[in-house]
Amino acid sequence: GLTNFKGIQEMGVICGGGMVLCLVPMLTLLPVLLMRGRRQNALDAKSVRMESKRARLEELWMRRPGWVVIATLALCGAAVTQFHKVYFDYNLLNMQSKGLASVAYAKKLLYSTNSITVHTTNMDGSVTEEVKLRDYGQSVLFAAVVADSLQQARQFEEAAEKLPSVAAADREDREKSEPMYQILTEDQSPKLQRVREIKGLISDVQFARADPHPVDLNDFGTTLYSTMGYMLNARDDEDTKKDHPELAAQFQSLHDAIGALRIKMFSGDPEIPRRLFTYQRAFFDDIHNTFRALQEQDDTTGLRPQDLPPSLHNRFIGVTGQYRVLIFPKKDIWQRDNQTEFINQLRAVLPADRVTDTPVELYEYETLLKDSYQNAALLALGAIAIMVFLHFRSVACVILSLLPVAIGATWMVGLMGKAGIPFNPADIMTLPLVIGIGVTNGIHVLNRFAEEQDPGILARSTGKAVLVSGLASMTGFGSLILGRHQGLQSLGILMTIGIGTCMVAGLTFLPALLNILVRRGWTLQIKRPGSDNAKSLPDPEEPR
């Protein structure tokens, strides 16, 4: 509740308030219900056998407390060696459900590579040449900068394009590409003259009405066959193969496509003529409309913002008259290093308060989320230490109660490094949760030790309660592992491991350490009720 992230604040208030609400009936209603029940004066035979088994199990480490401490420290040392493998994964795509279509297509757009292989046979037919073309994908995420005027928008656009992290910075055809705001603000007189020339050239072009008859497959097939020959001649041209191999690849691709069409045409499907006729009409209608638009083009004034189609106008020009400049990253923006480089470079050359959109939102959101959970863990640790000190009035007890958490957390992070499980925006919440849940083991063990001055815990009701409570919590969080969302899966895995390691440390290492301290004369006393109150308590061994 004391962090800066609103979602974490609300989670803290809801969970903390819910714990208090559960605590009230546990301290009031539950004791009343227990008083109404029948008292069990003696344990049944099954319970006695279970306690005996737990006692024998606990003897394995209570007889050799020194070895338990050494083994625990050795495991901690081994875990520390894996710490360097643990990192924070900022990539939200890695948290989504596996096989999710939207994630798959986002990665396909980002990392797409199209390879075209051209087989060129020489005159002797012995040599085959392969030309591969790679087309790198485009990020679906982009930054946006808000400009107050067209001139300012062009300045922002030009400044961003010079940055090495921006996609336009490495285009081979950069000189040919013209950003939208450059087109709107530049001198358009040469283009208007070119438009007039084009209109003059096509002013007399008139199209005959489209042929209403179905396509003649034989005539069309002959035409296509001739076209395939032209494609092969163009592909095998020496100048084309030498200077423009990518053009030769396109000729080959067109040849193959025409061949596939001819095979489909003569497959005997009666729907082929109708479908070809429908496509033909649509194709020629599109050509007619294009020429008509060119013939009717306004060549008196240049392109203005209000002339843009509604789809472009609404995307780039706001209702307040401000302009939106889109800036695409050159690298994978989901990766934190690329994200940081992209945003820092934009903020260095553009007004930082005007750089926005998804990359900036993700950068700030994930930074605040990570910092908030880390701060929450420190705040939880401090608050718990204060409460434990107020309860036991001993700094040593504070340290002893937190030791199972420290050891369990060390083992958890070591297992994360060994298994290759990183922290992410979903499972980072394990930091405060493991501290809050794991510290209860040490408190219960110390309380029972203060009552009996006996470090043995597993065979008693407190040890059984710690074991059952830990297993119940592990089961609750472990159910998240069955979900499809990878972020929730990792949260379930880490919480199960963290609670389990803290429980093991609380039931083994802490009693063994207390055993060593008892042998050295250390004791723990908690302030007891007055004698009168003590006398009023019923004797647990007295039959009713």
Protein backbone atom coordinates (compact mmCIF):
# COMPACT_ATOMS: atom_id res chain seq x y z
CA GLY A 1 0.00 0.00 0.00
CA LEU A 2 2.97 2.36 0.35
CA THR A 3 4.33 1.84 -3.18
CA ASN A 4 3.88 4.18 -6.15
CA PHE A 5 2.15 1.70 -8.48
CA LYS A 6 -1.61 2.01 -8.18
CA GLY A 7 -2.31 -1.61 -8.99
CA ILE A 8 0.11 -2.80 -6.31
CA GLN A 9 -1.37 -0.31 -3.84
CA GLU A 10 -4.86 -1.69 -4.40
CA MET A 11 -3.62 -5.27 -4.17
CA GLY A 12 -1.93 -4.46 -0.86
CA VAL A 13 -5.07 -2.85 0.56
CA ILE A 14 -7.32 -5.70 -0.60
CA CYS A 15 -5.02 -8.50 0.58
CA GLY A 16 -4.07 -6.76 3.82
CA GLY A 17 -7.68 -5.88 4.58
CA GLY A 18 -8.78 -9.41 3.73
CA MET A 19 -6.22 -10.86 6.14
CA VAL A 20 -7.53 -8.63 8.92
CA LEU A 21 -11.11 -9.63 8.18
CA CYS A 22 -10.12 -13.30 8.33
CA LEU A 23 -8.21 -12.71 11.56
CA VAL A 24 -11.23 -11.33 13.41
CA PRO A 25 -13.47 -14.45 13.19
CA MET A 26 -10.46 -16.67 13.80
CA LEU A 27 -9.82 -14.97 17.15
CA THR A 28 -13.48 -14.66 18.14
CA LEU A 29 -15.85 -17.11 16.46
CA LEU A 30 -13.49 -20.07 16.13
CA PRO A 31 -12.68 -20.27 19.88
CA VAL A 32 -16.39 -20.12 20.70
CA LEU A 33 -17.12 -22.97 18.30
CA LEU A 34 -14.29 -25.00 19.84
CA MET A 35 -15.72 -24.49 23.35
CA ARG A 36 -19.03 -25.96 22.17
CA GLY A 37 -17.37 -29.16 21.02
CA ARG A 38 -16.33 -32.26 22.88
CA ARG A 39 -12.85 -32.38 24.34
CA GLN A 40 -10.52 -35.11 23.16
CA ASN A 41 -8.64 -36.25 26.24
CA ALA A 42 -6.21 -38.53 24.51
CA LEU A 43 -4.80 -38.87 21.04
CA ASP A 44 -5.99 -41.81 19.03
CA ALA A 45 -3.59 -44.55 18.04
CA LYS A 46 -3.16 -43.25 14.49
CA SER A 47 -2.18 -39.78 15.70
CA VAL A 48 0.30 -41.29 18.14
CA ARG A 49 1.92 -43.30 15.36
CA MET A 50 2.16 -40.22 13.12
CA GLU A 51 3.76 -38.17 15.89
CA SER A 52 6.21 -40.99 16.50
CA LYS A 53 7.16 -41.04 12.82
CA ARG A 54 7.63 -37.28 12.73
CA ALA A 55 9.72 -37.47 15.91
CA ARG A 56 11.99 -40.14 14.43
CA LEU A 57 12.32 -38.10 11.26
CA GLU A 58 13.25 -34.98 13.20
CA GLU A 59 15.89 -36.92 15.13
CA LEU A 60 17.84 -37.28 11.89
CA TRP A 61 18.85 -33.62 11.97
CA MET A 62 18.42 -32.84 15.67
CA ARG A 63 21.15 -35.35 16.63
CA ARG A 64 23.60 -33.69 14.27
CA PRO A 65 22.74 -29.98 14.32
CA GLY A 66 26.24 -28.94 13.29
CA TRP A 67 26.09 -30.99 10.13
CA VAL A 68 22.66 -29.52 9.34
CA VAL A 69 24.04 -25.99 9.63
CA ILE A 70 27.04 -26.87 7.47
CA ALA A 71 24.85 -28.55 4.85
CA THR A 72 22.49 -25.57 4.82
CA LEU A 73 25.33 -23.11 4.32
CA ALA A 74 26.79 -25.33 1.58
CA LEU A 75 23.44 -25.37 -0.25
CA CYS A 76 23.25 -21.58 0.12
CA GLY A 77 26.73 -21.27 -1.36
CA ALA A 78 25.77 -23.50 -4.29
CA ALA A 79 22.62 -21.41 -4.82
CA VAL A 80 24.60 -18.17 -4.81
CA THR A 81 26.69 -19.46 -7.72
CA GLN A 82 23.50 -19.49 -9.83
CA PHE A 83 22.45 -15.92 -8.98
CA HIS A 84 24.14 -14.45 -12.07
CA LYS A 85 21.81 -16.46 -14.30
CA VAL A 86 18.69 -14.84 -12.86
CA TYR A 87 17.48 -11.69 -14.60
CA PHE A 88 14.31 -9.66 -15.05
CA ASP A 89 12.54 -10.44 -18.33
CA TYR A 90 10.80 -7.27 -19.50
CA ASN A 91 9.45 -8.88 -22.69
CA LEU A 92 5.68 -9.16 -22.23
CA LEU A 93 5.40 -11.50 -25.23
CA ASN A 94 7.21 -14.16 -23.20
CA MET A 95 4.44 -14.02 -20.59
CA GLN A 96 1.54 -14.72 -22.92
CA SER A 97 -0.09 -18.09 -23.48
CA LYS A 98 1.90 -20.40 -25.72
CA GLY A 99 0.45 -20.69 -29.21
CA LEU A 100 -1.57 -17.49 -28.91
CA ALA A 101 -2.32 -16.34 -32.45
CA SER A 102 -1.77 -12.64 -31.78
CA VAL A 103 1.67 -13.30 -30.27
CA ALA A 104 2.64 -15.64 -33.10
CA TYR A 105 1.73 -13.07 -35.75
CA ALA A 106 3.45 -10.26 -33.84
CA LYS A 107 6.68 -12.26 -33.84
CA LYS A 108 6.16 -13.20 -37.46
CA LEU A 109 5.82 -9.55 -38.45
CA LEU A 110 8.84 -8.60 -36.37
CA TYR A 111 11.20 -11.36 -37.44
CA SER A 112 9.79 -12.26 -40.86
CA THR A 113 12.33 -13.18 -43.53
CA ASN A 114 11.16 -13.97 -47.04
CA SER A 115 13.61 -15.93 -49.12
CA ILE A 116 13.21 -16.31 -52.86
CA THR A 117 15.38 -18.94 -54.50
CA VAL A 118 16.08 -18.64 -58.23
CA HIS A 119 17.48 -21.56 -60.16
CA THR A 120 19.31 -20.31 -63.26
CA THR A 121 20.61 -22.86 -65.72
CA ASN A 122 23.47 -21.89 -68.02
CA MET A 123 23.63 -22.71 -71.69
CA ASP A 124 25.30 -26.07 -71.03
CA GLY A 125 22.74 -26.86 -68.35
CA SER A 126 25.37 -27.68 -65.74
CA VAL A 127 25.40 -24.68 -63.39
CA THR A 128 22.58 -23.60 -61.11
CA GLU A 129 22.65 -20.20 -59.42
CA GLU A 130 20.61 -19.38 -56.30
CA VAL A 131 19.67 -15.86 -55.33
CA LYS A 132 18.09 -15.31 -51.92
CA LEU A 133 16.31 -12.13 -51.00
CA ARG A 134 15.68 -11.25 -47.36
CA ASP A 135 12.90 -8.93 -46.29
CA TYR A 136 13.19 -7.92 -42.64
CA GLY A 137 9.99 -7.43 -40.70
CA GLN A 138 8.49 -4.30 -39.23
CA SER A 139 7.77 -3.76 -35.56
CA VAL A 140 4.09 -3.48 -34.68
CA LEU A 141 5.01 -1.05 -31.89
CA PHE A 142 5.97 2.57 -32.50
CA ALA A 143 6.55 5.76 -30.58
CA ALA A 144 4.56 8.91 -31.19
CA VAL A 145 5.50 12.58 -30.83
CA VAL A 146 2.91 15.34 -30.62
CA ALA A 147 3.59 18.49 -32.68
CA ASP A 148 1.73 21.78 -32.63
CA SER A 149 2.20 22.63 -36.32
CA LEU A 150 3.11 21.06 -39.64
CA GLN A 151 6.55 22.64 -39.58
CA GLN A 152 7.22 21.31 -36.11
CA ALA A 153 5.99 17.86 -37.13
CA ARG A 154 8.43 17.87 -40.05
CA GLN A 155 11.27 18.94 -37.75
CA PHE A 156 10.46 16.10 -35.35
CA GLU A 157 10.26 13.66 -38.25
CA GLU A 158 13.61 14.68 -39.71
CA ALA A 159 15.34 14.69 -36.31
CA ALA A 160 14.06 11.20 -35.49
CA GLU A 161 15.08 9.71 -38.84
CA LYS A 162 18.72 10.56 -38.16
CA LEU A 163 18.81 8.38 -35.04
CA PRO A 164 20.49 4.96 -35.40
CA SER A 165 17.72 3.21 -33.44
CA VAL A 166 14.98 4.43 -35.81
CA ALA A 167 13.94 2.16 -38.67
CA ALA A 168 14.32 4.82 -41.40
CA ALA A 169 17.95 5.41 -40.51
CA ASP A 170 19.23 2.36 -42.41
CA ARG A 171 16.98 2.39 -45.47
CA GLU A 172 18.87 2.10 -48.73
CA ASP A 173 16.15 4.09 -50.46
CA ARG A 174 16.03 6.80 -47.79
CA GLU A 175 16.45 9.53 -50.40
CA LYS A 176 13.47 8.17 -52.31
CA SER A 177 11.16 7.94 -49.31
CA GLU A 178 9.22 11.04 -48.39
CA PRO A 179 7.58 11.18 -44.94
CA MET A 180 4.06 12.53 -44.85
CA TYR A 181 4.82 15.82 -43.11
CA GLN A 182 7.66 16.52 -45.51
CA ILE A 183 5.24 16.14 -48.41
CA LEU A 184 2.73 18.49 -46.77
CA THR A 185 5.27 21.24 -46.02
CA GLU A 186 7.65 21.15 -49.00
CA ASP A 187 7.32 23.18 -52.20
CA GLN A 188 4.89 21.14 -54.26
CA SER A 189 5.23 23.13 -57.49
CA PRO A 190 7.38 20.50 -59.27
CA LYS A 191 4.88 17.78 -58.35
CA LEU A 192 1.96 19.88 -59.50
CA GLN A 193 3.73 20.37 -62.83
CA ARG A 194 4.25 16.62 -63.08
CA VAL A 195 0.55 16.06 -62.35
CA ARG A 196 -0.36 18.46 -65.17
CA GLU A 197 1.91 16.59 -67.55
CA ILE A 198 0.37 13.24 -66.61
CA LYS A 199 -3.13 14.63 -67.02
CA GLY A 200 -2.19 15.91 -70.47
CA LEU A 201 -0.83 12.53 -71.50
CA ILE A 202 -3.88 10.54 -70.40
CA SER A 203 -6.60 13.12 -71.07
CA ASP A 204 -7.61 11.38 -74.32
CA VAL A 205 -7.39 7.85 -72.94
CA GLN A 206 -10.76 6.16 -73.11
CA PHE A 207 -11.51 2.56 -72.16
CA ALA A 208 -13.91 0.35 -74.05
CA ARG A 209 -16.56 -1.40 -72.09
CA ALA A 210 -15.44 -4.65 -70.51
CA ASP A 211 -16.11 -7.85 -72.43
CA PRO A 212 -19.32 -9.31 -70.95
CA HIS A 213 -18.60 -12.82 -72.26
CA PRO A 214 -16.97 -15.60 -70.19
CA VAL A 215 -13.24 -16.11 -70.57
CA ASP A 216 -12.11 -18.36 -73.42
CA LEU A 217 -9.72 -20.71 -71.63
CA ASN A 218 -7.93 -21.84 -74.81
CA ASP A 219 -7.16 -18.32 -76.04
CA PHE A 220 -6.26 -17.17 -72.55
CA GLY A 221 -4.05 -20.22 -72.01
CA THR A 222 -2.15 -19.49 -75.25
CA THR A 223 -1.59 -15.89 -74.17
CA LEU A 224 -0.31 -17.01 -70.79
CA TYR A 225 2.03 -19.53 -72.39
CA SER A 226 3.57 -16.81 -74.52
CA THR A 227 3.92 -14.59 -71.47
CA MET A 228 5.82 -17.35 -69.67
CA GLY A 229 8.30 -17.40 -72.54
CA TYR A 230 8.83 -13.66 -72.22
CA MET A 231 9.47 -14.08 -68.49
CA LEU A 232 12.16 -16.69 -69.15
CA ASN A 233 13.84 -14.49 -71.77
CA ALA A 234 13.86 -11.57 -69.38
CA ARG A 235 15.21 -13.73 -66.57
CA ASP A 236 18.06 -15.11 -68.70
CA ASP A 237 19.17 -11.70 -69.95
CA GLU A 238 22.88 -11.34 -69.11
CA ASP A 239 22.59 -7.74 -67.97
CA THR A 240 19.65 -8.56 -65.75
CA LYS A 241 21.39 -11.52 -64.10
CA LYS A 242 24.55 -9.50 -63.54
CA ASP A 243 23.23 -6.12 -62.43
CA HIS A 244 19.74 -6.90 -61.11
CA PRO A 245 19.56 -10.43 -59.68
CA GLU A 246 16.51 -9.46 -57.61
CA LEU A 247 14.68 -8.58 -60.84
CA ALA A 248 15.61 -11.96 -62.30
CA ALA A 249 14.13 -13.57 -59.22
CA GLN A 250 10.87 -11.70 -59.73
CA PHE A 251 10.71 -12.81 -63.38
CA GLN A 252 11.16 -16.41 -62.26
CA SER A 253 8.50 -16.02 -59.59
CA LEU A 254 6.05 -14.58 -62.13
CA HIS A 255 6.82 -17.42 -64.55
CA ASP A 256 6.07 -20.00 -61.84
CA ALA A 257 2.85 -18.24 -60.84
CA ILE A 258 1.59 -18.17 -64.44
CA GLY A 259 2.43 -21.85 -64.83
CA ALA A 260 0.48 -22.70 -61.70
CA LEU A 261 -2.48 -20.67 -63.01
CA ARG A 262 -2.48 -22.57 -66.33
CA ILE A 263 -2.48 -25.89 -64.48
CA LYS A 264 -5.43 -24.75 -62.40
CA MET A 265 -7.28 -23.43 -65.47
CA PHE A 266 -7.20 -26.76 -67.27
CA SER A 267 -8.01 -28.86 -64.23
CA GLY A 268 -11.62 -29.29 -65.42
CA ASP A 269 -13.25 -27.20 -62.70
CA PRO A 270 -16.41 -25.63 -64.23
CA GLU A 271 -16.14 -22.65 -61.88
CA ILE A 272 -12.81 -21.50 -63.36
CA PRO A 273 -14.26 -19.45 -66.31
CA ARG A 274 -16.72 -17.64 -64.03
CA ARG A 275 -14.09 -16.83 -61.42
CA LEU A 276 -11.67 -15.56 -64.07
CA PHE A 277 -14.44 -13.39 -65.53
CA THR A 278 -15.22 -11.93 -62.10
CA TYR A 279 -11.56 -11.15 -61.50
CA GLN A 280 -11.21 -9.65 -64.97
CA ARG A 281 -14.12 -7.26 -64.42
CA ALA A 282 -12.79 -6.19 -61.03
CA PHE A 283 -9.29 -5.72 -62.45
CA PHE A 284 -10.38 -3.51 -65.33
CA ASP A 285 -12.77 -1.55 -63.12
CA ASP A 286 -9.84 -0.76 -60.85
CA ILE A 287 -7.76 0.42 -63.81
CA HIS A 288 -10.62 2.59 -65.07
CA ASN A 289 -11.07 4.17 -61.65
CA THR A 290 -7.33 4.83 -61.32
CA PHE A 291 -7.17 6.61 -64.68
CA ARG A 292 -10.32 8.55 -63.90
CA ALA A 293 -8.81 9.72 -60.59
CA LEU A 294 -5.67 10.86 -62.40
CA GLN A 295 -7.66 12.68 -65.07
CA GLU A 296 -9.73 14.49 -62.42
CA GLN A 297 -6.77 15.27 -60.15
CA ASP A 298 -6.74 18.86 -58.85
CA ASP A 299 -3.50 20.50 -60.06
CA THR A 300 -4.26 24.03 -58.87
CA THR A 301 -3.18 23.72 -55.23
CA GLY A 302 -0.83 21.44 -53.33
CA LEU A 303 -1.76 18.68 -50.93
CA ARG A 304 -3.20 20.02 -47.66
CA PRO A 305 -4.01 18.24 -44.38
CA GLN A 306 -7.73 18.52 -45.07
CA ASP A 307 -7.20 16.70 -48.37
CA LEU A 308 -6.05 13.54 -46.62
CA PRO A 309 -8.47 10.57 -46.60
CA PRO A 310 -10.45 10.31 -43.34
CA SER A 311 -8.50 7.24 -42.25
CA LEU A 312 -5.18 9.11 -42.47
CA HIS A 313 -6.55 12.41 -41.21
CA ASN A 314 -8.05 10.87 -38.07
CA ARG A 315 -4.88 8.91 -37.37
CA PHE A 316 -2.37 11.74 -37.68
CA ILE A 317 -4.34 14.92 -36.90
CA GLY A 318 -6.17 15.33 -33.60
CA VAL A 319 -9.39 17.16 -32.87
CA THR A 320 -7.33 19.97 -31.31
CA GLY A 321 -5.33 20.45 -34.51
CA GLN A 322 -2.13 18.87 -33.18
CA TYR A 323 -0.15 16.45 -35.32
CA ARG A 324 0.99 12.95 -34.51
CA VAL A 325 4.40 11.81 -35.75
CA LEU A 326 4.94 8.04 -35.78
CA ILE A 327 8.48 6.75 -35.23
CA PHE A 328 9.22 3.06 -35.78
CA PRO A 329 12.16 1.34 -34.08
CA LYS A 330 14.79 -0.47 -36.08
CA LYS A 331 15.32 -3.23 -33.51
CA ASP A 332 13.04 -5.51 -31.51
CA ILE A 333 11.41 -3.02 -29.15
CA TRP A 334 10.20 -5.79 -26.82
CA GLN A 335 13.80 -6.30 -25.71
CA ARG A 336 14.66 -4.02 -22.79
CA ASP A 337 18.06 -2.88 -24.10
CA ASN A 338 16.60 -1.91 -27.48
CA GLN A 339 13.65 -0.25 -25.77
CA THR A 340 15.91 1.83 -23.52
CA GLU A 341 18.16 2.86 -26.40
CA PHE A 342 15.21 3.84 -28.59
CA ILE A 343 13.47 5.94 -25.92
CA ASN A 344 16.63 7.63 -24.64
CA GLN A 345 17.66 8.66 -28.14
CA LEU A 346 14.22 10.07 -28.88
CA ARG A 347 14.15 12.01 -25.61
CA ALA A 348 17.62 13.40 -26.35
CA VAL A 349 16.61 15.09 -29.63
CA LEU A 350 12.87 15.65 -29.07
CA PRO A 351 10.87 17.19 -26.20
CA ALA A 352 10.83 14.40 -23.62
CA ASP A 353 7.32 15.21 -22.43
CA ARG A 354 5.96 14.79 -25.98
CA VAL A 355 7.42 11.34 -26.67
CA THR A 356 4.70 8.80 -25.93
CA ASP A 357 2.83 5.69 -27.11
CA THR A 358 3.33 1.99 -26.42
CA PRO A 359 7.16 1.71 -26.10
CA VAL A 360 7.24 4.60 -23.62
CA GLU A 361 4.26 3.24 -21.71
CA LEU A 362 5.83 -0.21 -21.46
CA TYR A 363 9.17 1.24 -20.39
CA GLU A 364 7.71 3.37 -17.61
CA TYR A 365 5.14 0.76 -16.55
CA GLU A 366 7.63 -2.09 -16.19
CA THR A 367 10.19 0.11 -14.45
CA LEU A 368 7.62 1.33 -11.93
CA LEU A 369 6.25 -2.19 -11.44
CA LYS A 370 9.66 -3.72 -10.74
CA ASP A 371 10.73 -0.89 -8.42
CA SER A 372 7.41 -1.00 -6.56
CA TYR A 373 7.62 -4.72 -5.81
CA GLN A 374 11.23 -4.37 -4.72
CA ASN A 375 10.26 -1.50 -2.43
CA ALA A 376 7.29 -3.52 -1.18
CA ALA A 377 9.63 -6.37 -0.26
CA LEU A 378 11.90 -4.01 1.69
CA LEU A 379 8.93 -2.37 3.40
CA ALA A 380 7.47 -5.76 4.29
CA LEU A 381 10.82 -6.90 5.66
CA GLY A 382 11.15 -3.77 7.81
CA ALA A 383 7.58 -3.92 9.10
CA ILE A 384 7.88 -7.62 9.94
CA ALA A 385 11.17 -7.06 11.75
CA ILE A 386 9.58 -4.35 13.89
CA MET A 387 6.56 -6.52 14.76
CA VAL A 388 8.76 -9.50 15.64
CA PHE A 389 10.94 -7.30 17.83
CA LEU A 390 7.89 -5.91 19.64
CA HIS A 391 6.69 -9.48 20.22
CA PHE A 392 9.92 -11.10 21.45
CA ARG A 393 11.73 -7.93 22.61
CA SER A 394 14.94 -9.43 21.27
CA VAL A 395 17.11 -8.58 18.26
CA ALA A 396 18.37 -12.17 18.24
CA CYS A 397 14.81 -13.43 17.81
CA VAL A 398 14.29 -11.06 14.89
CA ILE A 399 17.36 -12.51 13.20
CA LEU A 400 16.35 -16.10 14.01
CA SER A 401 12.80 -15.63 12.72
CA LEU A 402 14.06 -14.15 9.43
CA LEU A 403 16.74 -16.80 8.86
CA PRO A 404 14.31 -19.36 7.30
CA VAL A 405 13.12 -16.66 4.90
CA ALA A 406 16.65 -15.66 3.95
CA ILE A 407 17.73 -19.26 3.42
CA GLY A 408 14.55 -20.21 1.59
CA ALA A 409 14.78 -17.18 -0.69
CA THR A 410 18.43 -17.98 -1.42
CA TRP A 411 17.56 -21.53 -2.38
CA MET A 412 14.63 -20.29 -4.49
CA VAL A 413 16.75 -17.87 -6.51
CA GLY A 414 19.43 -20.54 -6.93
CA LEU A 415 16.86 -22.98 -8.31
CA MET A 416 15.57 -20.23 -10.63
CA GLY A 417 19.06 -19.76 -12.04
CA LYS A 418 19.58 -23.49 -12.43
CA ALA A 419 16.22 -23.99 -14.16
CA GLY A 420 16.52 -20.83 -16.27
CA ILE A 421 13.41 -19.17 -14.80
CA PRO A 422 13.65 -15.34 -14.85
CA PHE A 423 11.70 -12.79 -12.91
CA ASN A 424 8.98 -11.07 -14.95
CA PRO A 425 6.24 -8.49 -14.32
CA ALA A 426 3.96 -11.27 -13.04
CA ASP A 427 6.18 -13.34 -10.74
CA ILE A 428 8.15 -10.40 -9.27
CA MET A 429 5.40 -10.21 -6.65
CA THR A 430 6.92 -13.32 -5.04
CA LEU A 431 9.42 -11.03 -3.29
CA PRO A 432 7.02 -9.54 -0.70
CA LEU A 433 4.76 -12.60 -0.66
CA VAL A 434 7.50 -15.09 0.19
CA ILE A 435 8.78 -12.80 2.95
CA GLY A 436 5.31 -12.41 4.48
CA ILE A 437 4.41 -16.10 4.27
CA GLY A 438 7.82 -17.55 5.07
CA VAL A 439 8.48 -15.51 8.21
CA THR A 440 5.53 -17.14 9.99
CA ASN A 441 7.46 -20.42 10.17
CA GLY A 442 10.21 -18.86 12.26
CA ILE A 443 7.74 -17.05 14.51
CA HIS A 444 5.78 -20.25 15.26
CA VAL A 445 8.95 -22.23 15.96
CA LEU A 446 10.33 -19.55 18.29
CA ASN A 447 7.03 -19.22 20.14
CA ARG A 448 6.86 -22.96 20.81
CA PHE A 449 10.53 -22.95 21.82
CA ALA A 450 9.89 -20.12 24.29
CA GLU A 451 7.10 -22.16 25.88
CA GLU A 452 8.99 -25.44 26.31
CA GLN A 453 12.69 -24.56 25.82
CA ASP A 454 12.83 -27.59 23.54
CA PRO A 455 13.94 -26.96 19.93
CA GLY A 456 12.16 -30.09 18.69
CA ILE A 457 9.12 -28.95 16.72
CA LEU A 458 8.04 -31.42 14.05
CA ALA A 459 6.48 -33.97 16.41
CA ARG A 460 4.40 -31.32 18.17
CA SER A 461 1.22 -29.62 17.09
CA THR A 462 3.07 -26.45 16.07
CA GLY A 463 5.35 -28.35 13.72
CA LYS A 464 2.37 -30.17 12.26
CA ALA A 465 0.56 -26.83 11.80
CA VAL A 466 3.59 -25.30 10.06
CA LEU A 467 3.83 -28.33 7.75
CA VAL A 468 0.13 -28.44 6.87
CA SER A 469 -0.07 -24.65 6.45
CA GLY A 470 2.95 -24.63 4.15
CA LEU A 471 1.63 -27.51 2.05
CA ALA A 472 -1.78 -25.82 1.79
CA SER A 473 -0.18 -22.58 0.59
CA MET A 474 1.97 -24.48 -1.89
CA THR A 475 -1.14 -26.22 -3.22
CA GLY A 476 -3.00 -22.93 -3.60
CA PHE A 477 -0.24 -21.17 -5.49
CA GLY A 478 0.73 -24.36 -7.30
CA SER A 479 -2.67 -24.46 -8.97
CA LEU A 480 -1.55 -21.46 -11.02
CA ILE A 481 0.93 -23.74 -12.80
CA LEU A 482 -2.00 -25.39 -14.58
CA GLY A 483 -2.96 -22.09 -16.27
CA ARG A 484 -2.04 -21.27 -19.86
CA HIS A 485 -0.70 -17.78 -19.15
CA GLN A 486 3.07 -18.14 -18.81
CA GLY A 487 3.29 -15.24 -16.36
CA LEU A 488 0.86 -16.91 -13.95
CA GLN A 489 2.61 -20.23 -14.47
CA SER A 490 5.94 -18.74 -13.43
CA LEU A 491 4.26 -17.07 -10.44
CA GLY A 492 2.86 -20.42 -9.34
CA ILE A 493 6.23 -22.13 -9.78
CA LEU A 494 8.19 -19.52 -7.83
CA MET A 495 5.66 -19.26 -5.00
CA THR A 496 5.53 -23.05 -4.65
CA ILE A 497 9.31 -23.26 -4.56
CA GLY A 498 9.69 -20.24 -2.26
CA ILE A 499 7.11 -21.39 0.29
CA GLY A 500 8.51 -24.93 0.19
CA THR A 501 12.13 -23.86 0.73
CA CYS A 502 11.16 -21.50 3.57
CA MET A 503 9.13 -24.29 5.20
CA VAL A 504 12.01 -26.77 4.94
CA ALA A 505 14.44 -24.23 6.39
CA GLY A 506 12.01 -23.44 9.21
CA LEU A 507 11.48 -27.10 10.17
CA THR A 508 15.09 -28.26 9.84
CA PHE A 509 17.71 -25.52 9.98
CA LEU A 510 16.08 -23.32 12.65
CA PRO A 511 15.45 -26.17 15.17
CA ALA A 512 18.99 -27.44 14.59
CA LEU A 513 20.40 -23.97 15.18
CA LEU A 514 18.28 -23.59 18.32
CA ASN A 515 19.62 -26.94 19.50
CA ILE A 516 23.16 -25.60 19.21
CA LEU A 517 22.22 -22.41 21.03
CA VAL A 518 20.53 -24.37 23.85
CA ARG A 519 23.67 -26.42 24.34
CA ARG A 520 25.55 -23.16 24.75
CA GLY A 521 23.11 -21.96 27.42
CA TRP A 522 20.90 -19.61 25.34
CA THR A 523 17.25 -19.37 26.38
CA LEU A 524 14.19 -17.46 25.24
CA GLN A 525 11.47 -16.21 27.55
CA ILE A 526 8.26 -14.41 26.61
CA LYS A 527 6.30 -12.40 29.18
CA ARG A 528 3.61 -14.62 30.64
CA PRO A 529 0.18 -13.78 32.06
CA GLY A 530 -0.10 -13.11 35.82
CA SER A 531 -0.48 -15.97 38.26
CA ASP A 532 -4.18 -15.36 38.70
CA ASN A 533 -4.81 -15.59 35.01
CA ALA A 534 -2.63 -18.66 34.80
CA LYS A 535 -4.62 -20.38 37.52
CA SER A 536 -7.87 -19.69 35.75
CA LEU A 537 -6.73 -21.65 32.69
CA PRO A 538 -7.93 -25.28 32.63
CA ASP A 539 -5.36 -28.01 33.01
CA PRO A 540 -5.03 -29.68 29.61
CA GLU A 541 -4.31 -33.04 31.27
CA GLU A 542 -7.29 -32.92 33.67
CA PRO A 543 -10.26 -34.94 32.35
CA ARG A 544 -13.56 -33.15 32.09
